[in-house]
C-alpha atoms as a PDB file:
ATOM      1  CA  MET A   1      -8.607 166.632  16.668  1.00  0.00           C
ATOM      2  CA  VAL A   2     -12.394 168.134  16.914  1.00  0.00           C
ATOM      3  CA  ALA A   3     -15.761 167.161  15.043  1.00  0.00           C
ATOM      4  CA  VAL A   4     -18.999 169.025  15.023  1.00  0.00           C
ATOM      5  CA  VAL A   5     -22.273 167.114  13.894  1.00  0.00           C
ATOM      6  CA  ILE A   6     -24.666 169.804  11.821  1.00  0.00           C
ATOM      7  CA  THR A   7     -28.612 169.296  12.290  1.00  0.00           C
ATOM      8  CA  GLY A   8     -31.244 171.227  12.022  1.00  0.00           C
ATOM      9  CA  ARG A   9     -35.126 171.319   9.964  1.00  0.00           C
ATOM     10  CA  GLY A  10     -35.165 170.925   6.118  1.00  0.00           C
ATOM     11  CA  GLY A  11     -33.929 172.975   4.063  1.00  0.00           C
ATOM     12  CA  ALA A  12     -32.580 175.808   6.947  1.00  0.00           C
ATOM     13  CA  GLY A  13     -29.135 175.020   4.883  1.00  0.00           C
ATOM     14  CA  LYS A  14     -27.072 172.627   7.070  1.00  0.00           C
ATOM     15  CA  THR A  15     -25.448 170.906   3.937  1.00  0.00           C
ATOM     16  CA  THR A  16     -24.724 174.800   2.489  1.00  0.00           C
ATOM     17  CA  MET A  17     -24.133 175.654   5.730  1.00  0.00           C
ATOM     18  CA  THR A  18     -21.445 172.224   6.172  1.00  0.00           C
ATOM     19  CA  ALA A  19     -19.591 173.512   2.846  1.00  0.00           C
ATOM     20  CA  ASN A  20     -19.416 176.612   3.500  1.00  0.00           C
ATOM     21  CA  LEU A  21     -17.807 175.899   7.026  1.00  0.00           C
ATOM     22  CA  ALA A  22     -15.175 173.566   6.168  1.00  0.00           C
ATOM     23  CA  THR A  23     -14.169 175.932   3.471  1.00  0.00           C
ATOM     24  CA  TYR A  24     -13.557 178.689   5.738  1.00  0.00           C
ATOM     25  CA  PHE A  25     -11.588 176.565   8.017  1.00  0.00           C
ATOM     26  CA  SER A  26      -9.729 174.992   4.859  1.00  0.00           C
ATOM     27  CA  GLU A  27      -8.527 178.473   3.864  1.00  0.00           C
ATOM     28  CA  ARG A  28      -7.280 179.115   7.106  1.00  0.00           C
ATOM     29  CA  GLY A  29      -5.133 176.433   7.843  1.00  0.00           C
ATOM     30  CA  TYR A  30      -7.471 173.931   9.203  1.00  0.00           C
ATOM     31  CA  ARG A  31      -7.060 170.150   7.520  1.00  0.00           C
ATOM     32  CA  THR A  32     -10.622 169.839   7.258  1.00  0.00           C
ATOM     33  CA  LEU A  33     -13.135 166.739   6.446  1.00  0.00           C
ATOM     34  CA  THR A  34     -16.377 166.684   5.742  1.00  0.00           C
ATOM     35  CA  VAL A  35     -18.326 163.465   5.594  1.00  0.00           C
ATOM     36  CA  ASP A  36     -22.142 163.371   4.293  1.00  0.00           C
ATOM     37  CA  GLY A  37     -24.177 161.704   7.107  1.00  0.00           C
ATOM     38  CA  ASP A  38     -26.974 161.828   5.426  1.00  0.00           C
ATOM     39  CA  LEU A  39     -27.286 158.646   4.303  1.00  0.00           C
ATOM     40  CA  TYR A  40     -30.464 158.445   2.615  1.00  0.00           C
ATOM     41  CA  LEU A  41     -30.527 161.897   0.919  1.00  0.00           C
ATOM     42  CA  PRO A  42     -26.756 162.610   0.366  1.00  0.00           C
ATOM     43  CA  LYS A  43     -25.999 165.835  -1.297  1.00  0.00           C
ATOM     44  CA  LEU A  44     -22.485 166.919   0.253  1.00  0.00           C
ATOM     45  CA  ALA A  45     -20.800 166.155  -2.600  1.00  0.00           C
ATOM     46  CA  PHE A  46     -22.737 168.072  -5.322  1.00  0.00           C
ATOM     47  CA  HIS A  47     -21.258 171.566  -3.454  1.00  0.00           C
ATOM     48  CA  PHE A  48     -18.166 170.260  -4.529  1.00  0.00           C
ATOM     49  CA  GLY A  49     -18.880 169.547  -7.955  1.00  0.00           C
ATOM     50  CA  ILE A  50     -18.780 165.763  -7.749  1.00  0.00           C
ATOM     51  CA  TYR A  51     -20.888 163.474  -9.003  1.00  0.00           C
ATOM     52  CA  ASN A  52     -21.628 160.341  -8.466  1.00  0.00           C
ATOM     53  CA  PRO A  53     -18.569 159.301  -6.724  1.00  0.00           C
ATOM     54  CA  ARG A  54     -17.728 155.636  -7.612  1.00  0.00           C
ATOM     55  CA  TYR A  55     -16.448 155.111  -3.841  1.00  0.00           C
ATOM     56  CA  ASN A  56     -18.234 156.745  -0.729  1.00  0.00           C
ATOM     57  CA  VAL A  57     -19.847 156.469   2.565  1.00  0.00           C
ATOM     58  CA  HIS A  58     -22.257 153.788   1.129  1.00  0.00           C
ATOM     59  CA  THR A  59     -19.670 151.453  -0.268  1.00  0.00           C
ATOM     60  CA  LEU A  60     -17.150 151.841   2.743  1.00  0.00           C
ATOM     61  CA  LEU A  61     -20.883 150.808   4.711  1.00  0.00           C
ATOM     62  CA  LYS A  62     -20.977 147.811   2.321  1.00  0.00           C
ATOM     63  CA  ASN A  63     -17.576 146.926   2.339  1.00  0.00           C
ATOM     64  CA  PRO A  64     -15.910 146.683   5.947  1.00  0.00           C
ATOM     65  CA  GLU A  65     -13.170 145.575   4.714  1.00  0.00           C
ATOM     66  CA  MET A  66     -12.134 148.795   2.911  1.00  0.00           C
ATOM     67  CA  ARG A  67     -10.095 151.216   4.287  1.00  0.00           C
ATOM     68  CA  THR A  68     -11.809 154.754   4.615  1.00  0.00           C
ATOM     69  CA  ILE A  69      -9.279 156.899   3.252  1.00  0.00           C
ATOM     70  CA  GLU A  70     -10.086 154.967  -0.504  1.00  0.00           C
ATOM     71  CA  ALA A  71     -13.440 157.194  -0.401  1.00  0.00           C
ATOM     72  CA  VAL A  72     -12.030 160.703   0.641  1.00  0.00           C
ATOM     73  CA  TYR A  73     -11.506 163.119  -2.092  1.00  0.00           C
ATOM     74  CA  HIS A  74      -9.869 166.458  -2.111  1.00  0.00           C
ATOM     75  CA  ASP A  75     -11.536 169.532  -3.643  1.00  0.00           C
ATOM     76  CA  PRO A  76      -8.694 171.259  -4.992  1.00  0.00           C
ATOM     77  CA  LYS A  77     -10.389 174.954  -5.108  1.00  0.00           C
ATOM     78  CA  THR A  78     -11.205 174.991  -1.061  1.00  0.00           C
ATOM     79  CA  GLY A  79      -8.784 172.415   0.188  1.00  0.00           C
ATOM     80  CA  VAL A  80     -11.257 170.964   1.800  1.00  0.00           C
ATOM     81  CA  ASP A  81     -11.489 166.703   1.826  1.00  0.00           C
ATOM     82  CA  ILE A  82     -15.187 165.431   1.547  1.00  0.00           C
ATOM     83  CA  LEU A  83     -16.105 161.848   2.042  1.00  0.00           C
ATOM     84  CA  PRO A  84     -19.395 162.287  -0.368  1.00  0.00           C
ATOM     85  CA  GLY A  85     -22.698 159.778  -0.146  1.00  0.00           C
ATOM     86  CA  SER A  86     -23.765 158.061  -3.405  1.00  0.00           C
ATOM     87  CA  SER A  87     -26.612 159.144  -4.956  1.00  0.00           C
ATOM     88  CA  SER A  88     -27.800 156.199  -6.164  1.00  0.00           C
ATOM     89  CA  ILE A  89     -31.301 154.572  -4.675  1.00  0.00           C
ATOM     90  CA  TYR A  90     -29.787 151.259  -4.680  1.00  0.00           C
ATOM     91  CA  ASP A  91     -26.367 152.431  -2.407  1.00  0.00           C
ATOM     92  CA  VAL A  92     -28.786 153.102   0.037  1.00  0.00           C
ATOM     93  CA  ILE A  93     -30.902 150.049   0.448  1.00  0.00           C
ATOM     94  CA  ASP A  94     -29.997 147.477   3.245  1.00  0.00           C
ATOM     95  CA  ILE A  95     -27.561 149.198   5.363  1.00  0.00           C
ATOM     96  CA  ASP A  96     -25.785 149.161   8.654  1.00  0.00           C
ATOM     97  CA  GLN A  97     -25.814 153.777   9.530  1.00  0.00           C
ATOM     98  CA  LYS A  98     -24.567 152.337  13.045  1.00  0.00           C
ATOM     99  CA  ARG A  99     -21.358 151.768  10.921  1.00  0.00           C
ATOM    100  CA  LEU A 100     -20.991 155.014  10.214  1.00  0.00           C
ATOM    101  CA  ARG A 101     -19.176 155.961  13.770  1.00  0.00           C
ATOM    102  CA  SER A 102     -16.560 153.456  12.970  1.00  0.00           C
ATOM    103  CA  ILE A 103     -15.833 154.762   9.006  1.00  0.00           C
ATOM    104  CA  VAL A 104     -15.703 158.421  10.561  1.00  0.00           C
ATOM    105  CA  ARG A 105     -13.619 157.138  13.323  1.00  0.00           C
ATOM    106  CA  GLU A 106     -10.520 155.213  11.192  1.00  0.00           C
ATOM    107  CA  VAL A 107     -10.036 158.761   9.169  1.00  0.00           C
ATOM    108  CA  GLN A 108     -10.959 161.564  11.800  1.00  0.00           C
ATOM    109  CA  THR A 109      -7.096 161.568  13.131  1.00  0.00           C
ATOM    110  CA  ARG A 110      -5.701 162.761  10.177  1.00  0.00           C
ATOM    111  CA  TYR A 111      -7.725 166.076  10.178  1.00  0.00           C
ATOM    112  CA  ASN A 112      -7.921 168.746  12.303  1.00  0.00           C
ATOM    113  CA  LEU A 113     -11.660 169.065  12.475  1.00  0.00           C
ATOM    114  CA  THR A 114     -14.116 166.961  11.335  1.00  0.00           C
ATOM    115  CA  ILE A 115     -17.631 168.089  10.060  1.00  0.00           C
ATOM    116  CA  ILE A 116     -20.345 166.058  10.025  1.00  0.00           C
ATOM    117  CA  ASP A 117     -23.581 166.968   7.699  1.00  0.00           C
ATOM    118  CA  SER A 118     -26.968 165.244   9.497  1.00  0.00           C
ATOM    119  CA  PRO A 119     -29.918 164.300   7.544  1.00  0.00           C
ATOM    120  CA  VAL A 120     -32.843 166.523   8.569  1.00  0.00           C
ATOM    121  CA  GLY A 121     -34.862 166.322  11.846  1.00  0.00           C
ATOM    122  CA  ILE A 122     -33.869 163.955  14.006  1.00  0.00           C
ATOM    123  CA  PRO A 123     -30.359 162.768  12.875  1.00  0.00           C
ATOM    124  CA  PHE A 124     -31.097 158.825  13.026  1.00  0.00           C
ATOM    125  CA  ASP A 125     -28.362 158.285  10.341  1.00  0.00           C
ATOM    126  CA  THR A 126     -25.600 160.327  12.099  1.00  0.00           C
ATOM    127  CA  VAL A 127     -26.591 159.784  16.244  1.00  0.00           C
ATOM    128  CA  SER A 128     -23.838 156.880  16.443  1.00  0.00           C
ATOM    129  CA  THR A 129     -21.196 159.546  15.408  1.00  0.00           C
ATOM    130  CA  PHE A 130     -22.120 161.778  18.087  1.00  0.00           C
ATOM    131  CA  HIS A 131     -19.873 159.702  20.612  1.00  0.00           C
ATOM    132  CA  LEU A 132     -17.152 160.856  18.085  1.00  0.00           C
ATOM    133  CA  ALA A 133     -18.046 164.706  18.417  1.00  0.00           C
ATOM    134  CA  GLN A 134     -17.220 167.605  20.550  1.00  0.00           C
ATOM    135  CA  TYR A 135     -19.633 169.971  19.343  1.00  0.00           C
ATOM    136  CA  GLN A 136     -23.084 170.235  17.761  1.00  0.00           C
ATOM    137  CA  LEU A 137     -24.347 173.116  14.872  1.00  0.00           C
ATOM    138  CA  ILE A 138     -28.062 173.807  14.854  1.00  0.00           C
ATOM    139  CA  VAL A 139     -29.079 175.282  11.677  1.00  0.00           C
ATOM    140  CA  VAL A 140     -32.057 177.578  12.093  1.00  0.00           C
ATOM    141  CA  GLU A 141     -34.489 179.230   9.647  1.00  0.00           C
ATOM    142  CA  ILE A 142     -36.673 181.447  11.533  1.00  0.00           C
ATOM    143  CA  GLU A 143     -38.715 182.760   8.428  1.00  0.00           C
ATOM    144  CA  ARG A 144     -40.448 178.812   7.692  1.00  0.00           C
ATOM    145  CA  GLY A 145     -43.309 180.026   9.400  1.00  0.00           C
ATOM    146  CA  PRO A 146     -45.050 183.070  10.251  1.00  0.00           C
ATOM    147  CA  ILE A 147     -42.677 185.629  12.761  1.00  0.00           C
ATOM    148  CA  HIS A 148     -44.970 185.741  15.816  1.00  0.00           C
ATOM    149  CA  SER A 149     -44.638 182.164  16.090  1.00  0.00           C
ATOM    150  CA  VAL A 150     -41.358 181.590  16.217  1.00  0.00           C
ATOM    151  CA  HIS A 151     -40.887 181.214  19.700  1.00  0.00           C
ATOM    152  CA  ARG A 152     -42.907 177.981  19.165  1.00  0.00           C
ATOM    153  CA  MET A 153     -41.151 176.691  16.393  1.00  0.00           C
ATOM    154  CA  ILE A 154     -37.667 177.264  18.385  1.00  0.00           C
ATOM    155  CA  GLU A 155     -39.163 175.058  21.478  1.00  0.00           C
ATOM    156  CA  ASN A 156     -40.905 172.610  18.826  1.00  0.00           C
ATOM    157  CA  GLU A 157     -37.058 172.146  16.420  1.00  0.00           C
ATOM    158  CA  VAL A 158     -34.319 173.700  18.969  1.00  0.00           C
ATOM    159  CA  VAL A 159     -34.754 172.428  22.422  1.00  0.00           C
ATOM    160  CA  LYS A 160     -35.594 168.953  20.578  1.00  0.00           C
ATOM    161  CA  LEU A 161     -31.936 168.856  18.398  1.00  0.00           C
ATOM    162  CA  LYS A 162     -30.876 170.199  21.726  1.00  0.00           C
ATOM    163  CA  ALA A 163     -31.519 167.441  24.118  1.00  0.00           C
ATOM    164  CA  ILE A 164     -29.967 165.044  21.920  1.00  0.00           C
ATOM    165  CA  GLY A 165     -26.290 166.793  21.703  1.00  0.00           C
ATOM    166  CA  ASP A 166     -26.687 167.498  25.539  1.00  0.00           C
ATOM    167  CA  SER A 167     -27.321 163.546  26.449  1.00  0.00           C
ATOM    168  CA  TYR A 168     -24.038 163.261  24.206  1.00  0.00           C
ATOM    169  CA  ASP A 169     -22.362 166.135  26.672  1.00  0.00           C
ATOM    170  CA  LEU A 170     -21.962 167.709  23.376  1.00  0.00           C
ATOM    171  CA  GLN A 171     -21.595 171.925  23.206  1.00  0.00           C
ATOM    172  CA  VAL A 172     -24.728 173.262  20.978  1.00  0.00           C
ATOM    173  CA  GLY A 173     -24.708 175.926  19.249  1.00  0.00           C
ATOM    174  CA  VAL A 174     -26.952 177.646  16.419  1.00  0.00           C
ATOM    175  CA  ILE A 175     -26.606 179.586  13.329  1.00  0.00           C
ATOM    176  CA  ILE A 176     -29.693 181.729  12.140  1.00  0.00           C
ATOM    177  CA  ASN A 177     -29.291 181.445   8.321  1.00  0.00           C
ATOM    178  CA  LYS A 178     -31.206 183.010   5.759  1.00  0.00           C
ATOM    179  CA  VAL A 179     -32.719 185.761   7.290  1.00  0.00           C
ATOM    180  CA  ARG A 180     -34.636 188.091   4.778  1.00  0.00           C
ATOM    181  CA  GLU A 181     -37.553 190.188   6.256  1.00  0.00           C
ATOM    182  CA  ALA A 182     -37.387 189.268   9.817  1.00  0.00           C
ATOM    183  CA  ALA A 183     -34.047 191.105   9.908  1.00  0.00           C
ATOM    184  CA  GLY A 184     -35.492 193.571  11.904  1.00  0.00           C
ATOM    185  CA  ASN A 185     -36.729 191.035  14.460  1.00  0.00           C
ATOM    186  CA  VAL A 186     -33.318 189.151  15.070  1.00  0.00           C
ATOM    187  CA  ASP A 187     -32.209 190.574  18.159  1.00  0.00           C
ATOM    188  CA  ASP A 188     -35.330 188.931  19.976  1.00  0.00           C
ATOM    189  CA  VAL A 189     -34.980 185.895  18.515  1.00  0.00           C
ATOM    190  CA  VAL A 190     -31.346 186.035  19.937  1.00  0.00           C
ATOM    191  CA  ASP A 191     -32.139 186.939  23.057  1.00  0.00           C
ATOM    192  CA  PHE A 192     -34.720 184.224  23.578  1.00  0.00           C
ATOM    193  CA  LEU A 193     -32.162 181.441  22.086  1.00  0.00           C
ATOM    194  CA  GLU A 194     -29.366 182.966  24.295  1.00  0.00           C
ATOM    195  CA  TYR A 195     -31.366 183.493  27.790  1.00  0.00           C
ATOM    196  CA  SER A 196     -34.331 181.060  27.423  1.00  0.00           C
ATOM    197  CA  ILE A 197     -33.410 178.340  25.798  1.00  0.00           C
ATOM    198  CA  GLU A 198     -29.481 178.721  26.819  1.00  0.00           C
ATOM    199  CA  VAL A 199     -27.718 177.939  23.516  1.00  0.00           C
ATOM    200  CA  PRO A 200     -25.251 180.497  21.862  1.00  0.00           C
ATOM    201  CA  VAL A 201     -25.677 182.146  18.970  1.00  0.00           C
ATOM    202  CA  LEU A 202     -22.879 181.725  16.864  1.00  0.00           C
ATOM    203  CA  GLY A 203     -23.470 183.400  13.057  1.00  0.00           C
ATOM    204  CA  VAL A 204     -26.694 185.097  11.236  1.00  0.00           C
ATOM    205  CA  ILE A 205     -26.520 184.462   7.733  1.00  0.00           C
ATOM    206  CA  PRO A 206     -28.499 186.840   4.899  1.00  0.00           C
ATOM    207  CA  PHE A 207     -30.415 185.241   2.492  1.00  0.00           C
ATOM    208  CA  ASP A 208     -28.368 185.651  -0.906  1.00  0.00           C
ATOM    209  CA  PRO A 209     -29.409 184.343  -3.976  1.00  0.00           C
ATOM    210  CA  ARG A 210     -25.458 183.986  -4.508  1.00  0.00           C
ATOM    211  CA  VAL A 211     -25.508 181.130  -2.497  1.00  0.00           C
ATOM    212  CA  PRO A 212     -27.776 178.742  -4.296  1.00  0.00           C
ATOM    213  CA  GLU A 213     -26.131 179.990  -7.873  1.00  0.00           C
ATOM    214  CA  ALA A 214     -22.658 178.971  -6.258  1.00  0.00           C
ATOM    215  CA  THR A 215     -24.220 175.343  -5.320  1.00  0.00           C
ATOM    216  CA  ASN A 216     -25.215 175.173  -8.986  1.00  0.00           C
ATOM    217  CA  TYR A 217     -21.606 176.167  -9.814  1.00  0.00           C
ATOM    218  CA  GLY A 218     -20.479 172.889  -7.778  1.00  0.00           C
ATOM    219  CA  THR A 219     -18.260 175.152  -5.083  1.00  0.00           C
ATOM    220  CA  PRO A 220     -18.851 176.988  -1.759  1.00  0.00           C
ATOM    221  CA  VAL A 221     -19.990 180.719  -2.088  1.00  0.00           C
ATOM    222  CA  LEU A 222     -17.215 181.428   0.532  1.00  0.00           C
ATOM    223  CA  HIS A 223     -14.748 180.938  -2.686  1.00  0.00           C
ATOM    224  CA  TYR A 224     -17.349 181.650  -5.502  1.00  0.00           C
ATOM    225  CA  ALA A 225     -18.473 184.685  -3.983  1.00  0.00           C
ATOM    226  CA  PRO A 226     -16.181 185.787  -1.165  1.00  0.00           C
ATOM    227  CA  PHE A 227     -17.361 189.453  -0.729  1.00  0.00           C
ATOM    228  CA  THR A 228     -20.953 188.934  -1.291  1.00  0.00           C
ATOM    229  CA  GLY A 229     -23.024 189.154   1.947  1.00  0.00           C
ATOM    230  CA  ALA A 230     -23.343 185.915   2.833  1.00  0.00           C
ATOM    231  CA  SER A 231     -19.447 185.397   2.563  1.00  0.00           C
ATOM    232  CA  ARG A 232     -19.369 188.427   5.243  1.00  0.00           C
ATOM    233  CA  ALA A 233     -21.550 186.703   7.593  1.00  0.00           C
ATOM    234  CA  LEU A 234     -20.385 182.910   6.812  1.00  0.00           C
ATOM    235  CA  SER A 235     -16.725 183.675   7.896  1.00  0.00           C
ATOM    236  CA  LYS A 236     -17.484 186.031  10.935  1.00  0.00           C
ATOM    237  CA  SER A 237     -19.601 183.206  11.811  1.00  0.00           C
ATOM    238  CA  GLY A 238     -16.237 180.889  11.544  1.00  0.00           C
ATOM    239  CA  SER A 239     -14.047 183.733  12.931  1.00  0.00           C
ATOM    240  CA  LEU A 240     -16.678 182.729  16.144  1.00  0.00           C
ATOM    241  CA  LEU A 241     -16.790 178.817  15.701  1.00  0.00           C
ATOM    242  CA  ASP A 242     -12.844 179.159  15.478  1.00  0.00           C
ATOM    243  CA  ARG A 243     -12.884 180.400  19.065  1.00  0.00           C
ATOM    244  CA  TRP A 244     -15.740 178.657  20.452  1.00  0.00           C
ATOM    245  CA  MET A 245     -13.924 175.696  19.510  1.00  0.00           C
ATOM    246  CA  PHE A 246     -10.554 175.619  19.444  1.00  0.00           C
ATOM    247  CA  GLY A 247     -10.243 177.624  22.420  1.00  0.00           C
ATOM    248  CA  GLU A 248      -9.577 181.077  21.406  1.00  0.00           C
ATOM    249  CA  LYS A 249     -10.669 184.790  23.587  1.00  0.00           C
ATOM    250  CA  LYS A 250     -12.899 182.473  26.201  1.00  0.00           C
ATOM    251  CA  GLY A 251     -15.300 184.113  27.540  1.00  0.00           C
ATOM    252  CA  GLU A 252     -16.348 186.565  25.356  1.00  0.00           C
ATOM    253  CA  ASN A 253     -20.157 187.169  24.205  1.00  0.00           C
ATOM    254  CA  LEU A 254     -20.161 186.264  21.227  1.00  0.00           C
ATOM    255  CA  TRP A 255     -23.707 187.726  20.059  1.00  0.00           C
ATOM    256  CA  LYS A 256     -22.264 191.085  20.663  1.00  0.00           C
ATOM    257  CA  ARG A 257     -19.323 190.453  18.122  1.00  0.00           C
ATOM    258  CA  LEU A 258     -21.560 189.500  15.740  1.00  0.00           C
ATOM    259  CA  LYS A 259     -24.609 192.048  16.124  1.00  0.00           C
ATOM    260  CA  GLY A 260     -22.359 195.094  14.950  1.00  0.00           C
ATOM    261  CA  ALA A 261     -21.281 193.337  11.800  1.00  0.00           C
ATOM    262  CA  PHE A 262     -25.229 192.002  11.432  1.00  0.00           C
ATOM    263  CA  ASN A 263     -26.316 195.130  11.349  1.00  0.00           C
ATOM    264  CA  SER A 264     -24.274 196.133   9.097  1.00  0.00           C
ATOM    265  CA  LEU A 265     -24.695 193.832   6.361  1.00  0.00           C
ATOM    266  CA  PHE A 266     -28.001 194.854   6.744  1.00  0.00           C
ATOM    267  CA  HIS A 267     -27.550 198.324   7.195  1.00  0.00           C
ATOM    268  CA  ARG A 268     -30.489 198.712   9.816  1.00  0.00           C
ATOM    269  CA  GLY A 269     -29.842 200.832  13.042  1.00  0.00           C
ATOM    270  CA  GLY A 270     -32.215 199.945  15.930  1.00  0.00           C
ATOM    271  CA  THR A 271     -34.378 196.328  15.909  1.00  0.00           C
ATOM    272  CA  PRO A 272     -37.768 196.760  17.029  1.00  0.00           C
ATOM    273  CA  SER A 273     -39.548 194.380  20.240  1.00  0.00           C
ATOM    274  CA  LEU A 274     -40.610 191.451  19.922  1.00  0.00           C
ATOM    275  CA  LYS A 275     -42.382 191.445  23.573  1.00  0.00           C
ATOM    276  CA  LYS A 276     -45.850 189.740  21.699  1.00  0.00           C
ATOM    277  CA  LEU A 277     -43.937 187.042  20.926  1.00  0.00           C
END
């Protein structure tokens, strides 16, 4: 029974990552649950084509006598189970977010893996569930600002989120998402994360228009377009996460295994240095 919390800045792709990693593990035989912990702007359900679920996290928060399993939905396409949130403004008013911990605890023993999607920034909504988790994934989009200031952005974002995970004794990893023009600079960013921040990079995912297209159809891109660039990178990231969380091939350098695959995705040769960063 393993639990991981997904955190990161707004727009980095946390919810998309949650849906696709859940799909990866489900398709490989892991009984997988996803939980929408973004209690004020929930959207995980949309990624699985679930709209206006009658029973949801907010129903459970307001009805302590209700069994958690009654609000869990099964996606037959991916095999993933989803505990969605409510998109109604009236459901997010006057909720006890600390009860999320007991809700997750009640149901997570049924699953090999539980993935909890957090709100943007500091994850106040899901911080109570950190007691139940062993791992934290920070999703980073390095092109949200000028590439020459990426180190400052990482220090401002990753270091703070990692400190929260460290305080709960979680193992913390990073996935770099939606890489476009900065593909040639990724080696330097990874070195900075792994050697200066001391956090392993567990995936580098290219920007891919098939990802939002899949979301519009209510299904993760790994199921919708399994051979597109983002899906291939997500699968390789899932393989690394499998080893990281479930103990296969311990002690290997994660980035070295990923680097060859990443370079092939972008058809790049070498990567220029960012010594001036």
